[in-house]
Amino acid sequence: MIKISRHAKNNMRLYKISKDELLSVIEQPQKFIRENDKFIAISHLKTKLQDRVIKVVYVIEKNTKIIITVYPLRKLKHQAQS
């Protein structure tokens, strides 16, 4: 099960990130980082209209993924870290 925080929903609207894109990043991240109890998933998504890198930060509580935030990264910054 997945719950999306109000903050994450607002960011999804602001940056025009769909729920399908969010799920794609969580299910098949190109880069995965664990920091204590937080999980960070990053993926480069290409669509007909956009080409961007999405970062999702979430926690897992009682088998539920709680999305804390989601936002696009600058491609150059992401590629430099890879």
N, C-alpha and C. Protein backbone atom coordinates (compact mmCIF):
# COMPACT_ATOMS: atom_id res chain seq x y z
N MET A 1 0.85 -1.18 0.00
CA MET A 1 0.00 0.00 0.00
C MET A 1 0.89 1.24 0.00
N ILE A 2 0.41 2.29 -0.64
CA ILE A 2 1.15 3.54 -0.72
C ILE A 2 0.26 4.70 -0.28
N LYS A 3 0.80 5.55 0.58
CA LYS A 3 0.12 6.78 0.99
C LYS A 3 1.00 7.95 0.54
N ILE A 4 0.36 9.00 0.05
CA ILE A 4 1.10 10.16 -0.43
C ILE A 4 0.77 11.34 0.48
N SER A 5 1.80 11.95 1.07
CA SER A 5 1.59 13.08 1.97
C SER A 5 1.04 14.29 1.21
N ARG A 6 0.47 15.21 1.93
CA ARG A 6 -0.06 16.43 1.33
C ARG A 6 1.07 17.20 0.63
N HIS A 7 2.22 17.26 1.26
CA HIS A 7 3.38 17.94 0.67
C HIS A 7 3.75 17.31 -0.67
N ALA A 8 3.80 15.98 -0.72
CA ALA A 8 4.14 15.29 -1.96
C ALA A 8 3.08 15.53 -3.03
N LYS A 9 1.79 15.51 -2.64
CA LYS A 9 0.72 15.77 -3.61
C LYS A 9 0.84 17.18 -4.18
N ASN A 10 1.15 18.15 -3.31
CA ASN A 10 1.33 19.52 -3.79
C ASN A 10 2.49 19.61 -4.77
N ASN A 11 3.60 18.93 -4.47
CA ASN A 11 4.75 18.93 -5.38
C ASN A 11 4.40 18.25 -6.70
N MET A 12 3.62 17.17 -6.64
CA MET A 12 3.22 16.49 -7.86
C MET A 12 2.42 17.43 -8.76
N ARG A 13 1.52 18.21 -8.16
CA ARG A 13 0.75 19.18 -8.94
C ARG A 13 1.66 20.28 -9.48
N LEU A 14 2.53 20.80 -8.63
CA LEU A 14 3.42 21.91 -9.01
C LEU A 14 4.34 21.51 -10.16
N TYR A 15 4.94 20.32 -10.07
CA TYR A 15 5.92 19.88 -11.07
C TYR A 15 5.33 18.96 -12.15
N LYS A 16 3.99 18.79 -12.11
CA LYS A 16 3.28 17.96 -13.10
C LYS A 16 3.86 16.54 -13.17
N ILE A 17 3.95 15.92 -12.00
CA ILE A 17 4.41 14.54 -11.89
C ILE A 17 3.18 13.67 -11.65
N SER A 18 2.96 12.70 -12.51
CA SER A 18 1.78 11.84 -12.38
C SER A 18 2.02 10.74 -11.34
N LYS A 19 0.92 10.14 -10.91
CA LYS A 19 1.03 9.04 -9.96
C LYS A 19 1.75 7.86 -10.62
N ASP A 20 1.52 7.64 -11.92
CA ASP A 20 2.20 6.57 -12.64
C ASP A 20 3.72 6.80 -12.66
N GLU A 21 4.14 8.05 -12.85
CA GLU A 21 5.58 8.36 -12.83
C GLU A 21 6.15 8.12 -11.44
N LEU A 22 5.42 8.53 -10.42
CA LEU A 22 5.84 8.32 -9.04
C LEU A 22 6.03 6.83 -8.76
N LEU A 23 5.05 6.01 -9.15
CA LEU A 23 5.13 4.56 -8.93
C LEU A 23 6.28 3.94 -9.71
N SER A 24 6.51 4.43 -10.91
CA SER A 24 7.61 3.92 -11.73
C SER A 24 8.96 4.16 -11.04
N VAL A 25 9.12 5.33 -10.46
CA VAL A 25 10.39 5.65 -9.78
C VAL A 25 10.57 4.75 -8.56
N ILE A 26 9.51 4.54 -7.80
CA ILE A 26 9.60 3.70 -6.59
C ILE A 26 9.85 2.23 -6.94
N GLU A 27 9.15 1.74 -7.95
CA GLU A 27 9.24 0.32 -8.29
C GLU A 27 10.52 -0.04 -9.04
N GLN A 28 11.04 0.88 -9.86
CA GLN A 28 12.24 0.58 -10.65
C GLN A 28 13.21 1.77 -10.63
N PRO A 29 13.77 2.06 -9.46
CA PRO A 29 14.69 3.20 -9.40
C PRO A 29 16.02 2.89 -10.10
N GLN A 30 16.59 3.90 -10.73
CA GLN A 30 17.91 3.73 -11.32
C GLN A 30 18.99 3.93 -10.25
N LYS A 31 18.63 4.67 -9.21
CA LYS A 31 19.54 4.88 -8.09
C LYS A 31 18.71 4.77 -6.82
N PHE A 32 19.22 4.03 -5.83
CA PHE A 32 18.49 3.81 -4.59
C PHE A 32 19.42 4.07 -3.41
N ILE A 33 18.96 4.89 -2.48
CA ILE A 33 19.77 5.26 -1.32
C ILE A 33 18.91 5.05 -0.07
N ARG A 34 19.54 4.48 0.95
CA ARG A 34 18.85 4.34 2.24
C ARG A 34 19.58 5.18 3.27
N GLU A 35 18.85 6.08 3.91
CA GLU A 35 19.42 6.93 4.96
C GLU A 35 18.58 6.72 6.23
N ASN A 36 19.11 5.92 7.15
CA ASN A 36 18.40 5.56 8.37
C ASN A 36 17.05 4.95 8.03
N ASP A 37 15.95 5.62 8.36
CA ASP A 37 14.62 5.06 8.08
C ASP A 37 14.02 5.60 6.78
N LYS A 38 14.75 6.47 6.06
CA LYS A 38 14.25 7.04 4.82
C LYS A 38 14.85 6.32 3.61
N PHE A 39 14.03 6.21 2.59
CA PHE A 39 14.47 5.62 1.33
C PHE A 39 14.38 6.69 0.24
N ILE A 40 15.38 6.74 -0.61
CA ILE A 40 15.42 7.71 -1.70
C ILE A 40 15.54 6.94 -3.01
N ALA A 41 14.59 7.17 -3.90
CA ALA A 41 14.59 6.53 -5.22
C ALA A 41 14.71 7.62 -6.28
N ILE A 42 15.62 7.41 -7.23
CA ILE A 42 15.84 8.39 -8.29
C ILE A 42 15.82 7.66 -9.63
N SER A 43 15.08 8.24 -10.59
CA SER A 43 15.03 7.67 -11.93
C SER A 43 14.95 8.76 -12.98
N HIS A 44 15.51 8.44 -14.13
CA HIS A 44 15.46 9.31 -15.29
C HIS A 44 14.28 8.85 -16.14
N LEU A 45 13.27 9.71 -16.29
CA LEU A 45 12.07 9.35 -17.03
C LEU A 45 12.01 10.11 -18.34
N LYS A 46 11.71 9.38 -19.40
CA LYS A 46 11.56 10.00 -20.71
C LYS A 46 10.15 9.75 -21.21
N THR A 47 9.48 10.82 -21.60
CA THR A 47 8.18 10.71 -22.24
C THR A 47 8.24 11.48 -23.54
N LYS A 48 7.15 11.47 -24.27
CA LYS A 48 7.12 12.20 -25.54
C LYS A 48 7.31 13.70 -25.32
N LEU A 49 6.83 14.19 -24.19
CA LEU A 49 6.87 15.63 -23.93
C LEU A 49 8.02 16.07 -23.04
N GLN A 50 8.50 15.18 -22.16
CA GLN A 50 9.50 15.59 -21.18
C GLN A 50 10.60 14.55 -21.02
N ASP A 51 11.72 15.04 -20.55
CA ASP A 51 12.89 14.21 -20.25
C ASP A 51 13.44 14.76 -18.94
N ARG A 52 13.21 14.05 -17.84
CA ARG A 52 13.61 14.59 -16.54
C ARG A 52 13.98 13.50 -15.54
N VAL A 53 14.65 13.93 -14.48
CA VAL A 53 15.06 13.04 -13.40
C VAL A 53 14.16 13.35 -12.20
N ILE A 54 13.54 12.31 -11.65
CA ILE A 54 12.60 12.45 -10.53
C ILE A 54 13.19 11.81 -9.28
N LYS A 55 13.07 12.51 -8.16
CA LYS A 55 13.53 11.99 -6.86
C LYS A 55 12.32 11.82 -5.95
N VAL A 56 12.23 10.65 -5.31
CA VAL A 56 11.14 10.36 -4.38
C VAL A 56 11.75 9.96 -3.05
N VAL A 57 11.28 10.59 -1.97
CA VAL A 57 11.74 10.25 -0.62
C VAL A 57 10.54 9.66 0.12
N TYR A 58 10.76 8.48 0.72
CA TYR A 58 9.66 7.84 1.43
C TYR A 58 10.16 7.03 2.62
N VAL A 59 9.22 6.66 3.48
CA VAL A 59 9.50 5.78 4.62
C VAL A 59 8.54 4.59 4.51
N ILE A 60 8.87 3.53 5.21
CA ILE A 60 7.97 2.37 5.25
C ILE A 60 7.56 2.16 6.70
N GLU A 61 6.25 2.19 6.91
CA GLU A 61 5.68 1.96 8.24
C GLU A 61 4.57 0.92 8.12
N LYS A 62 4.70 -0.17 8.83
CA LYS A 62 3.69 -1.24 8.83
C LYS A 62 3.33 -1.66 7.40
N ASN A 63 4.34 -1.98 6.61
CA ASN A 63 4.17 -2.44 5.22
C ASN A 63 3.51 -1.42 4.29
N THR A 64 3.49 -0.14 4.70
CA THR A 64 2.93 0.92 3.87
C THR A 64 4.05 1.91 3.52
N LYS A 65 4.19 2.20 2.23
CA LYS A 65 5.15 3.21 1.80
C LYS A 65 4.48 4.57 1.91
N ILE A 66 5.08 5.45 2.70
CA ILE A 66 4.55 6.80 2.87
C ILE A 66 5.48 7.76 2.13
N ILE A 67 4.95 8.35 1.07
CA ILE A 67 5.73 9.27 0.25
C ILE A 67 5.81 10.60 0.98
N ILE A 68 7.04 11.01 1.30
CA ILE A 68 7.25 12.27 2.00
C ILE A 68 7.32 13.43 1.02
N THR A 69 8.13 13.27 -0.03
CA THR A 69 8.25 14.32 -1.04
C THR A 69 8.65 13.72 -2.37
N VAL A 70 8.38 14.46 -3.42
CA VAL A 70 8.75 14.08 -4.78
C VAL A 70 9.03 15.36 -5.55
N TYR A 71 10.11 15.35 -6.34
CA TYR A 71 10.44 16.54 -7.12
C TYR A 71 11.45 16.20 -8.21
N PRO A 72 11.50 17.04 -9.25
CA PRO A 72 12.47 16.82 -10.32
C PRO A 72 13.84 17.36 -9.92
N LEU A 73 14.88 16.70 -10.39
CA LEU A 73 16.25 17.17 -10.18
C LEU A 73 16.76 17.80 -11.47
N ARG A 74 17.79 18.62 -11.32
CA ARG A 74 18.46 19.12 -12.52
C ARG A 74 19.26 17.96 -13.09
N LYS A 75 19.12 17.73 -14.38
CA LYS A 75 19.79 16.59 -15.02
C LYS A 75 21.29 16.63 -14.85
N LEU A 76 21.89 17.80 -14.99
CA LEU A 76 23.35 17.90 -14.91
C LEU A 76 23.84 17.52 -13.52
N LYS A 77 23.13 17.94 -12.49
CA LYS A 77 23.51 17.61 -11.13
C LYS A 77 23.45 16.10 -10.91
N HIS A 78 22.38 15.46 -11.38
CA HIS A 78 22.22 14.02 -11.23
C HIS A 78 23.29 13.25 -12.00
N GLN A 79 23.58 13.68 -13.21
CA GLN A 79 24.56 12.98 -14.04
C GLN A 79 25.96 13.11 -13.46
N ALA A 80 26.25 14.23 -12.81
CA ALA A 80 27.57 14.43 -12.20
C ALA A 80 27.78 13.47 -11.03
N GLN A 81 26.70 13.15 -10.32
CA GLN A 81 26.79 12.26 -9.15
C GLN A 81 26.86 10.81 -9.56
N SER A 82 26.37 10.47 -10.73
CA SER A 82 26.33 9.06 -11.17
C SER A 82 27.70 8.49 -11.41
